[in-house]
Amino acid sequence: MNMRDLAGWYLTALDDMGIEQTNLMGFAFGGWLAAEMATMDPKRFSKLVLVNPMGIKPPT
């Protein structure tokens, strides 16, 4: 399983719970996951907070 698969699993879980729109926050590994989820379904999330996310390289 890769990060995109994991993000898809969580998006499906949100669907199963009937959550159509929400805020999303992720810290460290969860920040990477949250960023992936937000790129896969940007309209679902009103706000996105990433705290020290892993796996994201800022431009140099």
N, C-alpha and C. Protein backbone atom coordinates (compact mmCIF):
# COMPACT_ATOMS: atom_id res chain seq x y z
N MET A 1 0.85 -1.18 0.00
CA MET A 1 0.00 0.00 0.00
C MET A 1 0.90 1.23 0.00
N ASN A 2 0.57 2.18 -0.85
CA ASN A 2 1.32 3.44 -0.87
C ASN A 2 0.45 4.57 -0.30
N MET A 3 1.01 5.78 -0.26
CA MET A 3 0.30 6.90 0.36
C MET A 3 -1.01 7.21 -0.37
N ARG A 4 -0.99 7.12 -1.69
CA ARG A 4 -2.21 7.40 -2.45
C ARG A 4 -3.31 6.38 -2.13
N ASP A 5 -2.92 5.12 -1.99
CA ASP A 5 -3.89 4.09 -1.60
C ASP A 5 -4.48 4.37 -0.22
N LEU A 6 -3.61 4.75 0.72
CA LEU A 6 -4.06 5.04 2.08
C LEU A 6 -5.01 6.24 2.09
N ALA A 7 -4.66 7.28 1.33
CA ALA A 7 -5.53 8.45 1.24
C ALA A 7 -6.89 8.07 0.65
N GLY A 8 -6.86 7.23 -0.37
CA GLY A 8 -8.12 6.76 -0.96
C GLY A 8 -8.97 5.99 0.03
N TRP A 9 -8.31 5.19 0.87
CA TRP A 9 -9.04 4.43 1.89
C TRP A 9 -9.75 5.39 2.85
N TYR A 10 -9.04 6.44 3.29
CA TYR A 10 -9.66 7.40 4.20
C TYR A 10 -10.77 8.20 3.53
N LEU A 11 -10.61 8.53 2.25
CA LEU A 11 -11.68 9.23 1.54
C LEU A 11 -12.92 8.34 1.43
N THR A 12 -12.71 7.06 1.20
CA THR A 12 -13.83 6.12 1.17
C THR A 12 -14.50 6.03 2.53
N ALA A 13 -13.69 6.05 3.59
CA ALA A 13 -14.25 6.02 4.95
C ALA A 13 -15.11 7.26 5.20
N LEU A 14 -14.66 8.42 4.74
CA LEU A 14 -15.47 9.64 4.87
C LEU A 14 -16.79 9.48 4.11
N ASP A 15 -16.72 8.91 2.92
CA ASP A 15 -17.94 8.64 2.15
C ASP A 15 -18.88 7.73 2.93
N ASP A 16 -18.33 6.66 3.48
CA ASP A 16 -19.14 5.69 4.22
C ASP A 16 -19.81 6.32 5.44
N MET A 17 -19.15 7.32 6.04
CA MET A 17 -19.72 8.00 7.20
C MET A 17 -20.64 9.15 6.80
N GLY A 18 -20.76 9.41 5.50
CA GLY A 18 -21.64 10.48 5.03
C GLY A 18 -21.07 11.87 5.22
N ILE A 19 -19.76 11.98 5.36
CA ILE A 19 -19.12 13.28 5.56
C ILE A 19 -18.75 13.84 4.18
N GLU A 20 -19.50 14.84 3.75
CA GLU A 20 -19.28 15.40 2.42
C GLU A 20 -18.26 16.53 2.42
N GLN A 21 -18.22 17.30 3.50
CA GLN A 21 -17.26 18.40 3.59
C GLN A 21 -16.82 18.56 5.04
N THR A 22 -15.52 18.80 5.20
CA THR A 22 -14.95 18.93 6.54
C THR A 22 -13.63 19.68 6.47
N ASN A 23 -13.08 19.98 7.60
CA ASN A 23 -11.72 20.53 7.69
C ASN A 23 -10.77 19.36 7.88
N LEU A 24 -9.51 19.58 7.52
CA LEU A 24 -8.53 18.49 7.60
C LEU A 24 -7.23 19.03 8.17
N MET A 25 -6.69 18.31 9.14
CA MET A 25 -5.41 18.68 9.75
C MET A 25 -4.54 17.44 9.84
N GLY A 26 -3.27 17.61 9.55
CA GLY A 26 -2.35 16.49 9.66
C GLY A 26 -1.01 16.95 10.22
N PHE A 27 -0.42 16.09 11.04
CA PHE A 27 0.86 16.38 11.67
C PHE A 27 1.85 15.29 11.27
N ALA A 28 3.02 15.69 10.80
CA ALA A 28 4.11 14.78 10.40
C ALA A 28 3.61 13.82 9.31
N PHE A 29 3.60 12.52 9.58
CA PHE A 29 3.13 11.56 8.58
C PHE A 29 1.69 11.85 8.18
N GLY A 30 0.88 12.24 9.16
CA GLY A 30 -0.51 12.60 8.89
C GLY A 30 -0.63 13.83 8.01
N GLY A 31 0.37 14.71 8.06
CA GLY A 31 0.37 15.87 7.18
C GLY A 31 0.55 15.47 5.73
N TRP A 32 1.40 14.51 5.51
CA TRP A 32 1.59 13.97 4.17
C TRP A 32 0.29 13.33 3.69
N LEU A 33 -0.33 12.55 4.56
CA LEU A 33 -1.59 11.90 4.23
C LEU A 33 -2.68 12.94 3.94
N ALA A 34 -2.77 13.95 4.78
CA ALA A 34 -3.78 15.00 4.59
C ALA A 34 -3.57 15.74 3.27
N ALA A 35 -2.32 16.03 2.94
CA ALA A 35 -2.03 16.70 1.68
C ALA A 35 -2.45 15.84 0.50
N GLU A 36 -2.18 14.57 0.58
CA GLU A 36 -2.56 13.65 -0.49
C GLU A 36 -4.08 13.58 -0.63
N MET A 37 -4.77 13.50 0.50
CA MET A 37 -6.24 13.48 0.46
C MET A 37 -6.79 14.75 -0.16
N ALA A 38 -6.20 15.88 0.21
CA ALA A 38 -6.68 17.17 -0.31
C ALA A 38 -6.44 17.30 -1.81
N THR A 39 -5.36 16.73 -2.31
CA THR A 39 -5.13 16.79 -3.76
C THR A 39 -6.05 15.84 -4.52
N MET A 40 -6.47 14.77 -3.87
CA MET A 40 -7.35 13.81 -4.52
C MET A 40 -8.80 14.28 -4.55
N ASP A 41 -9.21 15.06 -3.55
CA ASP A 41 -10.61 15.51 -3.46
C ASP A 41 -10.67 16.90 -2.83
N PRO A 42 -10.18 17.92 -3.54
CA PRO A 42 -10.04 19.26 -2.93
C PRO A 42 -11.36 19.91 -2.52
N LYS A 43 -12.45 19.58 -3.17
CA LYS A 43 -13.73 20.21 -2.83
C LYS A 43 -14.30 19.70 -1.51
N ARG A 44 -13.80 18.58 -1.04
CA ARG A 44 -14.32 18.00 0.21
C ARG A 44 -13.85 18.77 1.44
N PHE A 45 -12.71 19.45 1.34
CA PHE A 45 -12.10 20.05 2.52
C PHE A 45 -12.17 21.58 2.47
N SER A 46 -12.80 22.15 3.49
CA SER A 46 -12.93 23.61 3.58
C SER A 46 -11.61 24.25 3.95
N LYS A 47 -10.89 23.60 4.87
CA LYS A 47 -9.61 24.12 5.35
C LYS A 47 -8.63 22.96 5.47
N LEU A 48 -7.37 23.28 5.23
CA LEU A 48 -6.30 22.28 5.34
C LEU A 48 -5.18 22.87 6.18
N VAL A 49 -4.80 22.16 7.23
CA VAL A 49 -3.69 22.58 8.09
C VAL A 49 -2.66 21.47 8.09
N LEU A 50 -1.43 21.81 7.70
CA LEU A 50 -0.33 20.85 7.70
C LEU A 50 0.72 21.33 8.68
N VAL A 51 1.07 20.48 9.63
CA VAL A 51 2.07 20.81 10.64
C VAL A 51 3.26 19.88 10.44
N ASN A 52 4.37 20.45 9.98
CA ASN A 52 5.60 19.69 9.77
C ASN A 52 5.35 18.40 8.97
N PRO A 53 4.72 18.52 7.79
CA PRO A 53 4.38 17.31 7.05
C PRO A 53 5.61 16.60 6.49
N MET A 54 5.59 15.29 6.56
CA MET A 54 6.63 14.48 5.94
C MET A 54 6.32 14.35 4.45
N GLY A 55 7.33 14.03 3.66
CA GLY A 55 7.11 13.68 2.27
C GLY A 55 6.83 14.83 1.33
N ILE A 56 6.80 16.05 1.84
CA ILE A 56 6.53 17.21 1.00
C ILE A 56 7.80 18.04 0.94
N LYS A 57 8.28 18.26 -0.26
CA LYS A 57 9.50 19.04 -0.42
C LYS A 57 9.16 20.44 -0.90
N PRO A 58 9.47 21.45 -0.09
CA PRO A 58 9.20 22.83 -0.52
C PRO A 58 10.14 23.21 -1.66
N PRO A 59 9.71 24.14 -2.50
CA PRO A 59 10.59 24.58 -3.59
C PRO A 59 11.85 25.24 -3.02
N THR A 60 12.96 25.05 -3.71
CA THR A 60 14.22 25.64 -3.23
C THR A 60 14.60 26.85 -4.06
